[in-house]
Amino acid sequence: MTNVSLDSDMMKEETFGPVVAIAPFKDVDEAIKLANSSNLGLGAVVFGRQNASYVAENMEAGMVGINGGVGAGDAPWVGAKESGFGYHGSLDGHRQFTQVQVISA
């Protein structure tokens, strides 16, 4: 969807679908600011060639893809802000769901 209002639900809520909301911005820093203004941060995708790495590094999201999807191989599935709780996938992801116990006799 293009020219989506910044006040719309689509810009404020997680859609969990194959959909993208496109809104105009003045420059790269404004785009980052707009994206980070959400209280959510599960995943983000940056499309472009110039500044794509800069934008990705400054996104407040648990997973960021450049010119494609998010997540790769055994990388953990992780959210940020109010998106997701902890992370899963990978050895480190599974460790957070375990309880360490020490027994001494």
C-alpha atoms as a PDB file:
ATOM      1  CA  MET A   1       0.000   0.000   0.000  1.00  0.00           C
ATOM      2  CA  THR A   2       1.354   3.422  -0.887  1.00  0.00           C
ATOM      3  CA  ASN A   3       0.930   6.837   0.727  1.00  0.00           C
ATOM      4  CA  VAL A   4      -0.163   5.219   3.985  1.00  0.00           C
ATOM      5  CA  SER A   5      -0.977   7.728   6.729  1.00  0.00           C
ATOM      6  CA  LEU A   6       1.430   7.594   9.665  1.00  0.00           C
ATOM      7  CA  ASP A   7      -1.639   7.529  11.943  1.00  0.00           C
ATOM      8  CA  SER A   8      -3.172   4.433  10.325  1.00  0.00           C
ATOM      9  CA  ASP A   9      -3.379   1.081  12.129  1.00  0.00           C
ATOM     10  CA  MET A  10      -1.204  -0.421   9.411  1.00  0.00           C
ATOM     11  CA  MET A  11       1.665   1.861  10.437  1.00  0.00           C
ATOM     12  CA  LYS A  12       1.165   1.247  14.162  1.00  0.00           C
ATOM     13  CA  GLU A  13       0.345  -2.465  14.466  1.00  0.00           C
ATOM     14  CA  GLU A  14       2.087  -5.689  13.472  1.00  0.00           C
ATOM     15  CA  THR A  15       0.355  -7.005  10.370  1.00  0.00           C
ATOM     16  CA  PHE A  16       1.821 -10.547  10.280  1.00  0.00           C
ATOM     17  CA  GLY A  17       1.079 -10.837   6.598  1.00  0.00           C
ATOM     18  CA  PRO A  18       2.682 -10.450   3.215  1.00  0.00           C
ATOM     19  CA  VAL A  19       1.971  -6.727   3.064  1.00  0.00           C
ATOM     20  CA  VAL A  20       4.043  -3.570   3.080  1.00  0.00           C
ATOM     21  CA  ALA A  21       3.073  -0.020   3.968  1.00  0.00           C
ATOM     22  CA  ILE A  22       4.947   2.679   2.068  1.00  0.00           C
ATOM     23  CA  ALA A  23       5.084   6.259   3.337  1.00  0.00           C
ATOM     24  CA  PRO A  24       7.116   9.171   1.978  1.00  0.00           C
ATOM     25  CA  PHE A  25      10.159  10.515   3.832  1.00  0.00           C
ATOM     26  CA  LYS A  26      12.610  13.376   3.241  1.00  0.00           C
ATOM     27  CA  ASP A  27      15.898  11.587   3.823  1.00  0.00           C
ATOM     28  CA  VAL A  28      17.412   8.405   5.244  1.00  0.00           C
ATOM     29  CA  ASP A  29      17.546   9.720   8.800  1.00  0.00           C
ATOM     30  CA  GLU A  30      13.854  10.636   8.724  1.00  0.00           C
ATOM     31  CA  ALA A  31      13.020   7.157   7.403  1.00  0.00           C
ATOM     32  CA  ILE A  32      14.912   5.602  10.327  1.00  0.00           C
ATOM     33  CA  LYS A  33      13.185   7.937  12.786  1.00  0.00           C
ATOM     34  CA  LEU A  34       9.743   7.072  11.378  1.00  0.00           C
ATOM     35  CA  ALA A  35      10.440   3.339  11.473  1.00  0.00           C
ATOM     36  CA  ASN A  36      11.782   3.515  15.028  1.00  0.00           C
ATOM     37  CA  SER A  37       8.854   5.619  16.293  1.00  0.00           C
ATOM     38  CA  SER A  38       6.816   2.440  16.779  1.00  0.00           C
ATOM     39  CA  ASN A  39       6.665   0.644  20.118  1.00  0.00           C
ATOM     40  CA  LEU A  40       7.068  -2.583  18.112  1.00  0.00           C
ATOM     41  CA  GLY A  41      10.179  -4.051  16.558  1.00  0.00           C
ATOM     42  CA  LEU A  42       9.880  -7.663  15.533  1.00  0.00           C
ATOM     43  CA  GLY A  43      11.386  -7.439  12.072  1.00  0.00           C
ATOM     44  CA  ALA A  44      12.238  -4.937   9.386  1.00  0.00           C
ATOM     45  CA  VAL A  45      13.463  -5.086   5.824  1.00  0.00           C
ATOM     46  CA  VAL A  46      15.515  -2.369   4.145  1.00  0.00           C
ATOM     47  CA  PHE A  47      15.330  -2.156   0.360  1.00  0.00           C
ATOM     48  CA  GLY A  48      17.966  -0.240  -1.554  1.00  0.00           C
ATOM     49  CA  ARG A  49      21.646  -0.061  -2.381  1.00  0.00           C
ATOM     50  CA  GLN A  50      22.887   3.228  -0.985  1.00  0.00           C
ATOM     51  CA  ASN A  51      22.895   3.450   2.802  1.00  0.00           C
ATOM     52  CA  ALA A  52      21.119   0.080   3.239  1.00  0.00           C
ATOM     53  CA  SER A  53      23.640  -1.141   5.831  1.00  0.00           C
ATOM     54  CA  TYR A  54      23.498   2.207   7.667  1.00  0.00           C
ATOM     55  CA  VAL A  55      19.711   2.030   7.837  1.00  0.00           C
ATOM     56  CA  ALA A  56      19.741  -1.628   8.957  1.00  0.00           C
ATOM     57  CA  GLU A  57      22.263  -0.938  11.721  1.00  0.00           C
ATOM     58  CA  ASN A  58      20.076   1.884  13.048  1.00  0.00           C
ATOM     59  CA  MET A  59      16.766   0.022  13.009  1.00  0.00           C
ATOM     60  CA  GLU A  60      15.272  -0.814  16.412  1.00  0.00           C
ATOM     61  CA  ALA A  61      14.150  -4.297  15.387  1.00  0.00           C
ATOM     62  CA  GLY A  62      15.131  -7.767  16.497  1.00  0.00           C
ATOM     63  CA  MET A  63      15.730  -8.936  12.943  1.00  0.00           C
ATOM     64  CA  VAL A  64      16.609  -6.792   9.935  1.00  0.00           C
ATOM     65  CA  GLY A  65      16.947  -7.993   6.366  1.00  0.00           C
ATOM     66  CA  ILE A  66      18.565  -6.120   3.509  1.00  0.00           C
ATOM     67  CA  ASN A  67      16.857  -6.544   0.121  1.00  0.00           C
ATOM     68  CA  GLY A  68      15.142  -9.716   1.266  1.00  0.00           C
ATOM     69  CA  GLY A  69      13.599 -11.558   4.187  1.00  0.00           C
ATOM     70  CA  VAL A  70      14.733 -11.650   7.775  1.00  0.00           C
ATOM     71  CA  GLY A  71      16.513 -14.502   9.518  1.00  0.00           C
ATOM     72  CA  ALA A  72      19.050 -16.846   8.052  1.00  0.00           C
ATOM     73  CA  GLY A  73      20.106 -20.416   8.692  1.00  0.00           C
ATOM     74  CA  ASP A  74      20.325 -21.130  12.409  1.00  0.00           C
ATOM     75  CA  ALA A  75      20.032 -17.487  13.445  1.00  0.00           C
ATOM     76  CA  PRO A  76      17.665 -16.953  16.382  1.00  0.00           C
ATOM     77  CA  TRP A  77      14.179 -15.533  15.801  1.00  0.00           C
ATOM     78  CA  VAL A  78      14.201 -12.435  17.993  1.00  0.00           C
ATOM     79  CA  GLY A  79      12.015  -9.396  18.592  1.00  0.00           C
ATOM     80  CA  ALA A  80      12.655  -5.967  20.075  1.00  0.00           C
ATOM     81  CA  LYS A  81      10.630  -3.477  22.098  1.00  0.00           C
ATOM     82  CA  GLU A  82       7.103  -4.878  22.628  1.00  0.00           C
ATOM     83  CA  SER A  83       7.471  -7.490  19.882  1.00  0.00           C
ATOM     84  CA  GLY A  84       8.223 -11.000  20.911  1.00  0.00           C
ATOM     85  CA  PHE A  85       9.459 -12.336  24.203  1.00  0.00           C
ATOM     86  CA  GLY A  86      13.032 -13.527  24.233  1.00  0.00           C
ATOM     87  CA  TYR A  87      14.034 -15.445  21.147  1.00  0.00           C
ATOM     88  CA  HIS A  88      14.019 -18.959  19.827  1.00  0.00           C
ATOM     89  CA  GLY A  89      15.915 -20.944  17.284  1.00  0.00           C
ATOM     90  CA  SER A  90      19.636 -21.692  17.550  1.00  0.00           C
ATOM     91  CA  LEU A  91      21.412 -23.114  20.591  1.00  0.00           C
ATOM     92  CA  ASP A  92      21.302 -19.781  22.440  1.00  0.00           C
ATOM     93  CA  GLY A  93      17.606 -19.409  21.693  1.00  0.00           C
ATOM     94  CA  HIS A  94      16.811 -22.802  23.172  1.00  0.00           C
ATOM     95  CA  ARG A  95      18.934 -22.194  26.276  1.00  0.00           C
ATOM     96  CA  GLN A  96      16.613 -19.442  27.492  1.00  0.00           C
ATOM     97  CA  PHE A  97      13.842 -22.036  27.870  1.00  0.00           C
ATOM     98  CA  THR A  98      15.924 -24.285  30.119  1.00  0.00           C
ATOM     99  CA  GLN A  99      16.324 -24.247  33.866  1.00  0.00           C
ATOM    100  CA  VAL A 100      19.777 -24.869  35.267  1.00  0.00           C
ATOM    101  CA  GLN A 101      19.794 -27.045  38.363  1.00  0.00           C
ATOM    102  CA  VAL A 102      22.706 -27.816  40.651  1.00  0.00           C
ATOM    103  CA  ILE A 103      22.389 -30.843  42.950  1.00  0.00           C
ATOM    104  CA  SER A 104      24.974 -31.436  45.663  1.00  0.00           C
ATOM    105  CA  ALA A 105      25.128 -34.647  47.676  1.00  0.00           C
END
